[in-house]
Amino acid sequence: MINVESIHHVSLSVTDLQKAKHFYGTLLGFKELKRPPFDFPGAWYQIGDQQLHLIVHHNAKTLRNSHKINSREGHFAVRVKDYMETLRYLKEIGLDIQEKPNSTSGFAQIFCMDPDCNLIEFNVDQETLKES
């Protein structure tokens, strides 16, 4: 049996590091971390207790073949403190989003995608949403 503590990081392939850094660092406000001097470009970000690692791979392809958001496709999820505040901000910065406040999952969800079509979910427990 594996005695798990937590997920340490998620790695995503990106094709344009500057666009990805603008998206994750500037638009989403994730804190960039110092990255070891690998022999390939990328960036690391802190998200709560976990990390996001971006790896430049110019020929990278996700399993996705569309720029349309589909929450059933692979994604990573970020727990946020305030659903409505997150929703307002993502709309304010002009991101294409998919709202699922009443998802069967029990989470109020907002989906968006980065410039390379990697999907991101922002969520809160639905009970929290109902209280606000």
N, C-alpha and C. Protein backbone atom coordinates (compact mmCIF):
# COMPACT_ATOMS: atom_id res chain seq x y z
N MET A 1 0.84 -1.19 0.00
CA MET A 1 0.00 0.00 0.00
C MET A 1 0.89 1.25 0.00
N ILE A 2 0.45 2.27 -0.69
CA ILE A 2 1.17 3.54 -0.73
C ILE A 2 0.54 4.46 0.31
N ASN A 3 1.36 5.05 1.18
CA ASN A 3 0.89 5.97 2.20
C ASN A 3 1.01 7.39 1.65
N VAL A 4 -0.07 7.90 1.09
CA VAL A 4 -0.07 9.19 0.39
C VAL A 4 -0.21 10.35 1.37
N GLU A 5 0.57 11.41 1.12
CA GLU A 5 0.42 12.66 1.87
C GLU A 5 -0.45 13.65 1.10
N SER A 6 -0.11 13.88 -0.18
CA SER A 6 -0.86 14.83 -1.00
C SER A 6 -0.32 14.78 -2.42
N ILE A 7 -0.99 15.48 -3.32
CA ILE A 7 -0.42 15.69 -4.65
C ILE A 7 0.58 16.81 -4.51
N HIS A 8 1.80 16.61 -4.96
CA HIS A 8 2.84 17.63 -4.86
C HIS A 8 2.73 18.66 -5.98
N HIS A 9 2.62 18.17 -7.23
CA HIS A 9 2.49 19.09 -8.34
C HIS A 9 1.80 18.45 -9.52
N VAL A 10 1.34 19.30 -10.40
CA VAL A 10 0.79 18.91 -11.69
C VAL A 10 1.71 19.55 -12.72
N SER A 11 2.09 18.79 -13.75
CA SER A 11 2.90 19.33 -14.84
C SER A 11 2.05 19.43 -16.09
N LEU A 12 2.17 20.56 -16.77
CA LEU A 12 1.47 20.77 -18.02
C LEU A 12 2.46 21.16 -19.10
N SER A 13 2.24 20.66 -20.29
CA SER A 13 3.04 21.08 -21.43
C SER A 13 2.44 22.36 -21.99
N VAL A 14 3.32 23.29 -22.33
CA VAL A 14 2.90 24.54 -22.98
C VAL A 14 3.80 24.77 -24.19
N THR A 15 3.30 25.50 -25.16
CA THR A 15 4.10 25.76 -26.36
C THR A 15 4.72 27.14 -26.38
N ASP A 16 4.14 28.09 -25.65
CA ASP A 16 4.64 29.46 -25.61
C ASP A 16 4.75 29.87 -24.15
N LEU A 17 5.98 29.89 -23.63
CA LEU A 17 6.20 30.16 -22.20
C LEU A 17 5.72 31.55 -21.81
N GLN A 18 5.93 32.56 -22.63
CA GLN A 18 5.51 33.91 -22.26
C GLN A 18 3.99 34.02 -22.16
N LYS A 19 3.29 33.42 -23.10
CA LYS A 19 1.82 33.42 -23.02
C LYS A 19 1.36 32.66 -21.78
N ALA A 20 1.97 31.52 -21.51
CA ALA A 20 1.59 30.72 -20.34
C ALA A 20 1.88 31.47 -19.05
N LYS A 21 3.04 32.13 -18.96
CA LYS A 21 3.38 32.89 -17.75
C LYS A 21 2.43 34.07 -17.57
N HIS A 22 2.04 34.69 -18.65
CA HIS A 22 1.07 35.79 -18.55
C HIS A 22 -0.26 35.25 -18.01
N PHE A 23 -0.69 34.11 -18.53
CA PHE A 23 -1.96 33.52 -18.10
C PHE A 23 -1.91 33.13 -16.63
N TYR A 24 -0.93 32.30 -16.25
CA TYR A 24 -0.89 31.77 -14.89
C TYR A 24 -0.39 32.79 -13.87
N GLY A 25 0.62 33.57 -14.23
CA GLY A 25 1.19 34.52 -13.28
C GLY A 25 0.45 35.83 -13.21
N THR A 26 0.18 36.43 -14.37
CA THR A 26 -0.46 37.75 -14.40
C THR A 26 -1.97 37.65 -14.26
N LEU A 27 -2.62 36.88 -15.13
CA LEU A 27 -4.09 36.83 -15.10
C LEU A 27 -4.62 36.08 -13.89
N LEU A 28 -4.11 34.88 -13.64
CA LEU A 28 -4.62 34.09 -12.50
C LEU A 28 -3.94 34.45 -11.18
N GLY A 29 -2.79 35.10 -11.24
CA GLY A 29 -2.13 35.56 -10.02
C GLY A 29 -1.43 34.48 -9.23
N PHE A 30 -1.07 33.36 -9.85
CA PHE A 30 -0.32 32.33 -9.16
C PHE A 30 1.09 32.82 -8.91
N LYS A 31 1.64 32.49 -7.75
CA LYS A 31 2.97 32.94 -7.36
C LYS A 31 4.05 32.08 -8.04
N GLU A 32 4.91 32.74 -8.82
CA GLU A 32 5.97 32.01 -9.51
C GLU A 32 7.08 31.65 -8.52
N LEU A 33 7.59 30.44 -8.66
CA LEU A 33 8.66 29.94 -7.80
C LEU A 33 9.98 29.92 -8.57
N LYS A 34 11.07 29.90 -7.82
CA LYS A 34 12.38 29.70 -8.44
C LYS A 34 12.41 28.27 -8.95
N ARG A 35 12.88 28.12 -10.17
CA ARG A 35 12.89 26.81 -10.82
C ARG A 35 14.32 26.34 -10.99
N PRO A 36 14.61 25.08 -10.77
CA PRO A 36 15.97 24.58 -11.00
C PRO A 36 16.43 24.83 -12.44
N PRO A 37 17.72 24.89 -12.66
CA PRO A 37 18.24 25.22 -14.00
C PRO A 37 18.22 24.02 -14.97
N PHE A 38 17.01 23.56 -15.29
CA PHE A 38 16.88 22.47 -16.25
C PHE A 38 17.41 22.90 -17.61
N ASP A 39 17.64 21.94 -18.49
CA ASP A 39 18.13 22.27 -19.82
C ASP A 39 16.97 22.47 -20.81
N PHE A 40 15.81 22.78 -20.30
CA PHE A 40 14.64 23.09 -21.12
C PHE A 40 13.85 24.17 -20.39
N PRO A 41 13.15 25.03 -21.12
CA PRO A 41 12.42 26.13 -20.48
C PRO A 41 11.13 25.66 -19.81
N GLY A 42 10.72 26.45 -18.84
CA GLY A 42 9.49 26.19 -18.11
C GLY A 42 9.32 27.17 -16.98
N ALA A 43 8.33 26.96 -16.15
CA ALA A 43 8.07 27.82 -15.00
C ALA A 43 7.34 26.99 -13.95
N TRP A 44 7.55 27.34 -12.68
CA TRP A 44 6.88 26.68 -11.57
C TRP A 44 6.06 27.72 -10.81
N TYR A 45 4.89 27.29 -10.33
CA TYR A 45 4.00 28.16 -9.56
C TYR A 45 3.52 27.46 -8.30
N GLN A 46 3.32 28.24 -7.25
CA GLN A 46 2.75 27.74 -6.00
C GLN A 46 1.25 27.96 -6.05
N ILE A 47 0.49 26.91 -5.74
CA ILE A 47 -0.97 27.00 -5.66
C ILE A 47 -1.36 26.34 -4.34
N GLY A 48 -1.57 27.14 -3.32
CA GLY A 48 -1.84 26.58 -1.99
C GLY A 48 -0.63 25.79 -1.54
N ASP A 49 -0.83 24.54 -1.15
CA ASP A 49 0.28 23.68 -0.72
C ASP A 49 0.87 22.88 -1.88
N GLN A 50 0.30 23.02 -3.06
CA GLN A 50 0.77 22.27 -4.22
C GLN A 50 1.44 23.20 -5.23
N GLN A 51 1.99 22.59 -6.26
CA GLN A 51 2.68 23.36 -7.29
C GLN A 51 2.16 22.99 -8.68
N LEU A 52 2.32 23.94 -9.59
CA LEU A 52 2.04 23.72 -11.00
C LEU A 52 3.37 23.91 -11.72
N HIS A 53 3.77 22.93 -12.52
CA HIS A 53 5.00 23.00 -13.29
C HIS A 53 4.65 23.08 -14.77
N LEU A 54 5.10 24.14 -15.42
CA LEU A 54 4.91 24.29 -16.86
C LEU A 54 6.18 23.86 -17.55
N ILE A 55 6.04 23.05 -18.58
CA ILE A 55 7.18 22.54 -19.33
C ILE A 55 6.97 22.90 -20.80
N VAL A 56 7.92 23.63 -21.37
CA VAL A 56 7.79 23.99 -22.78
C VAL A 56 8.10 22.77 -23.63
N HIS A 57 7.14 22.44 -24.46
CA HIS A 57 7.28 21.33 -25.40
C HIS A 57 6.53 21.77 -26.66
N HIS A 58 7.27 22.23 -27.65
CA HIS A 58 6.65 22.85 -28.83
C HIS A 58 5.75 21.91 -29.62
N ASN A 59 5.96 20.63 -29.51
CA ASN A 59 5.12 19.67 -30.22
C ASN A 59 4.09 19.02 -29.32
N ALA A 60 3.90 19.58 -28.14
CA ALA A 60 2.97 19.00 -27.17
C ALA A 60 1.55 19.04 -27.70
N LYS A 61 0.83 18.01 -27.38
CA LYS A 61 -0.58 17.93 -27.74
C LYS A 61 -1.33 17.34 -26.55
N THR A 62 -2.46 17.93 -26.25
CA THR A 62 -3.33 17.32 -25.26
C THR A 62 -4.23 16.35 -26.00
N LEU A 63 -5.04 15.63 -25.30
CA LEU A 63 -6.01 14.74 -25.94
C LEU A 63 -7.16 15.54 -26.53
N ARG A 64 -7.21 16.82 -26.21
CA ARG A 64 -8.29 17.67 -26.67
C ARG A 64 -8.09 18.05 -28.13
N ASN A 65 -9.16 18.15 -28.87
CA ASN A 65 -9.06 18.58 -30.25
C ASN A 65 -9.97 19.76 -30.53
N SER A 66 -10.32 20.50 -29.49
CA SER A 66 -11.24 21.61 -29.63
C SER A 66 -10.87 22.74 -28.68
N HIS A 67 -11.20 23.95 -29.07
CA HIS A 67 -11.03 25.11 -28.19
C HIS A 67 -12.29 25.37 -27.37
N LYS A 68 -13.25 24.45 -27.47
CA LYS A 68 -14.48 24.55 -26.69
C LYS A 68 -14.26 23.87 -25.34
N ILE A 69 -14.71 24.50 -24.28
CA ILE A 69 -14.55 23.94 -22.94
C ILE A 69 -15.50 22.76 -22.76
N ASN A 70 -14.93 21.63 -22.34
CA ASN A 70 -15.70 20.42 -22.06
C ASN A 70 -15.18 19.87 -20.73
N SER A 71 -15.98 19.99 -19.68
CA SER A 71 -15.54 19.62 -18.33
C SER A 71 -15.28 18.13 -18.17
N ARG A 72 -15.67 17.31 -19.14
CA ARG A 72 -15.42 15.88 -19.05
C ARG A 72 -14.02 15.51 -19.51
N GLU A 73 -13.28 16.48 -20.04
CA GLU A 73 -11.93 16.21 -20.49
C GLU A 73 -10.95 16.45 -19.34
N GLY A 74 -9.72 15.94 -19.48
CA GLY A 74 -8.73 16.07 -18.43
C GLY A 74 -8.52 17.51 -18.00
N HIS A 75 -8.37 17.71 -16.70
CA HIS A 75 -8.17 19.05 -16.15
C HIS A 75 -7.59 18.92 -14.75
N PHE A 76 -7.15 20.05 -14.21
CA PHE A 76 -6.81 20.07 -12.79
C PHE A 76 -7.71 21.08 -12.12
N ALA A 77 -7.96 20.86 -10.83
CA ALA A 77 -8.91 21.70 -10.10
C ALA A 77 -8.21 22.47 -8.99
N VAL A 78 -8.63 23.71 -8.83
CA VAL A 78 -8.10 24.60 -7.79
C VAL A 78 -9.27 24.99 -6.89
N ARG A 79 -9.14 24.72 -5.59
CA ARG A 79 -10.16 25.12 -4.63
C ARG A 79 -9.98 26.62 -4.37
N VAL A 80 -11.07 27.38 -4.47
CA VAL A 80 -11.02 28.82 -4.23
C VAL A 80 -11.87 29.15 -3.00
N LYS A 81 -11.65 30.33 -2.46
CA LYS A 81 -12.39 30.73 -1.25
C LYS A 81 -13.78 31.25 -1.58
N ASP A 82 -13.94 31.91 -2.74
CA ASP A 82 -15.21 32.56 -3.05
C ASP A 82 -15.57 32.32 -4.51
N TYR A 83 -16.62 31.58 -4.74
CA TYR A 83 -17.06 31.25 -6.10
C TYR A 83 -17.43 32.51 -6.88
N MET A 84 -18.29 33.34 -6.31
CA MET A 84 -18.79 34.51 -7.02
C MET A 84 -17.67 35.50 -7.33
N GLU A 85 -16.76 35.68 -6.41
CA GLU A 85 -15.63 36.57 -6.63
C GLU A 85 -14.75 36.04 -7.77
N THR A 86 -14.50 34.74 -7.77
CA THR A 86 -13.71 34.11 -8.83
C THR A 86 -14.42 34.24 -10.17
N LEU A 87 -15.71 33.98 -10.18
CA LEU A 87 -16.51 34.09 -11.40
C LEU A 87 -16.46 35.51 -11.96
N ARG A 88 -16.67 36.51 -11.11
CA ARG A 88 -16.62 37.90 -11.55
C ARG A 88 -15.26 38.24 -12.13
N TYR A 89 -14.19 37.81 -11.46
CA TYR A 89 -12.85 38.13 -11.92
C TYR A 89 -12.56 37.49 -13.28
N LEU A 90 -12.89 36.22 -13.44
CA LEU A 90 -12.62 35.53 -14.71
C LEU A 90 -13.39 36.17 -15.86
N LYS A 91 -14.62 36.62 -15.58
CA LYS A 91 -15.39 37.33 -16.60
C LYS A 91 -14.77 38.69 -16.90
N GLU A 92 -14.32 39.38 -15.84
CA GLU A 92 -13.72 40.70 -15.98
C GLU A 92 -12.47 40.67 -16.87
N ILE A 93 -11.66 39.62 -16.74
CA ILE A 93 -10.44 39.55 -17.55
C ILE A 93 -10.70 38.93 -18.93
N GLY A 94 -11.96 38.60 -19.20
CA GLY A 94 -12.36 38.18 -20.53
C GLY A 94 -12.11 36.73 -20.89
N LEU A 95 -11.97 35.86 -19.89
CA LEU A 95 -11.75 34.45 -20.21
C LEU A 95 -13.07 33.78 -20.61
N ASP A 96 -12.97 32.86 -21.55
CA ASP A 96 -14.10 32.02 -21.90
C ASP A 96 -14.25 31.01 -20.76
N ILE A 97 -15.43 30.94 -20.17
CA ILE A 97 -15.64 30.06 -19.02
C ILE A 97 -16.89 29.22 -19.20
N GLN A 98 -16.96 28.16 -18.42
CA GLN A 98 -18.16 27.34 -18.32
C GLN A 98 -18.51 27.27 -16.84
N GLU A 99 -19.71 27.70 -16.50
CA GLU A 99 -20.16 27.69 -15.10
C GLU A 99 -20.99 26.44 -14.83
N LYS A 100 -20.71 25.82 -13.69
CA LYS A 100 -21.49 24.66 -13.24
C LYS A 100 -21.73 24.79 -11.74
N PRO A 101 -22.53 25.77 -11.32
CA PRO A 101 -22.74 25.97 -9.88
C PRO A 101 -23.50 24.82 -9.22
N ASN A 102 -24.26 24.05 -9.99
CA ASN A 102 -25.07 22.97 -9.43
C ASN A 102 -24.61 21.60 -9.91
N SER A 103 -23.32 21.44 -10.11
CA SER A 103 -22.77 20.18 -10.61
C SER A 103 -23.14 19.01 -9.71
N THR A 104 -23.37 17.88 -10.32
CA THR A 104 -23.66 16.65 -9.59
C THR A 104 -22.51 16.27 -8.66
N SER A 105 -21.31 16.79 -8.92
CA SER A 105 -20.12 16.47 -8.11
C SER A 105 -20.25 16.94 -6.67
N GLY A 106 -21.13 17.93 -6.42
CA GLY A 106 -21.21 18.53 -5.10
C GLY A 106 -20.35 19.78 -4.99
N PHE A 107 -19.62 20.09 -6.06
CA PHE A 107 -18.80 21.29 -6.12
C PHE A 107 -19.47 22.29 -7.05
N ALA A 108 -19.44 23.56 -6.69
CA ALA A 108 -19.80 24.62 -7.62
C ALA A 108 -18.53 24.88 -8.44
N GLN A 109 -18.61 24.70 -9.75
CA GLN A 109 -17.42 24.69 -10.60
C GLN A 109 -17.45 25.80 -11.65
N ILE A 110 -16.24 26.27 -11.97
CA ILE A 110 -16.01 27.18 -13.10
C ILE A 110 -14.84 26.60 -13.88
N PHE A 111 -15.03 26.39 -15.17
CA PHE A 111 -13.96 25.87 -16.01
C PHE A 111 -13.49 26.94 -16.97
N CYS A 112 -12.17 26.96 -17.22
CA CYS A 112 -11.57 27.81 -18.24
C CYS A 112 -10.38 27.06 -18.83
N MET A 113 -9.73 27.65 -19.82
CA MET A 113 -8.56 27.00 -20.39
C MET A 113 -7.44 28.00 -20.61
N ASP A 114 -6.21 27.47 -20.58
CA ASP A 114 -5.05 28.30 -20.81
C ASP A 114 -4.81 28.44 -22.32
N PRO A 115 -3.80 29.21 -22.74
CA PRO A 115 -3.56 29.40 -24.17
C PRO A 115 -3.27 28.12 -24.95
N ASP A 116 -2.85 27.04 -24.27
CA ASP A 116 -2.59 25.77 -24.94
C ASP A 116 -3.75 24.79 -24.79
N CYS A 117 -4.90 25.29 -24.37
CA CYS A 117 -6.14 24.50 -24.21
C CYS A 117 -6.08 23.51 -23.05
N ASN A 118 -5.20 23.71 -22.08
CA ASN A 118 -5.24 22.92 -20.85
C ASN A 118 -6.41 23.44 -20.01
N LEU A 119 -7.24 22.55 -19.51
CA LEU A 119 -8.42 22.95 -18.74
C LEU A 119 -8.10 23.12 -17.26
N ILE A 120 -8.71 24.14 -16.66
CA ILE A 120 -8.57 24.42 -15.24
C ILE A 120 -9.98 24.54 -14.66
N GLU A 121 -10.19 23.91 -13.52
CA GLU A 121 -11.45 24.02 -12.79
C GLU A 121 -11.19 24.80 -11.52
N PHE A 122 -12.05 25.77 -11.22
CA PHE A 122 -12.04 26.46 -9.93
C PHE A 122 -13.32 26.02 -9.23
N ASN A 123 -13.22 25.66 -7.93
CA ASN A 123 -14.42 25.15 -7.28
C ASN A 123 -14.49 25.50 -5.80
N VAL A 124 -15.71 25.38 -5.29
CA VAL A 124 -16.02 25.45 -3.85
C VAL A 124 -17.06 24.37 -3.59
N ASP A 125 -17.25 23.99 -2.33
CA ASP A 125 -18.35 23.10 -1.99
C ASP A 125 -19.65 23.84 -2.23
N GLN A 126 -20.65 23.17 -2.78
CA GLN A 126 -21.93 23.83 -3.07
C GLN A 126 -22.57 24.39 -1.82
N GLU A 127 -22.39 23.73 -0.67
CA GLU A 127 -22.98 24.26 0.59
C GLU A 127 -22.42 25.64 0.89
N THR A 128 -21.15 25.84 0.63
CA THR A 128 -20.52 27.15 0.85
C THR A 128 -21.15 28.19 -0.06
N LEU A 129 -21.41 27.82 -1.29
CA LEU A 129 -22.02 28.73 -2.26
C LEU A 129 -23.40 29.15 -1.80
N LYS A 130 -24.17 28.23 -1.27
CA LYS A 130 -25.53 28.51 -0.84
C LYS A 130 -25.55 29.46 0.36
N GLU A 131 -24.49 29.41 1.18
CA GLU A 131 -24.44 30.25 2.38
C GLU A 131 -24.10 31.70 2.06
N SER A 132 -23.41 31.93 0.92
CA SER A 132 -22.97 33.29 0.62
C SER A 132 -24.02 34.10 -0.09
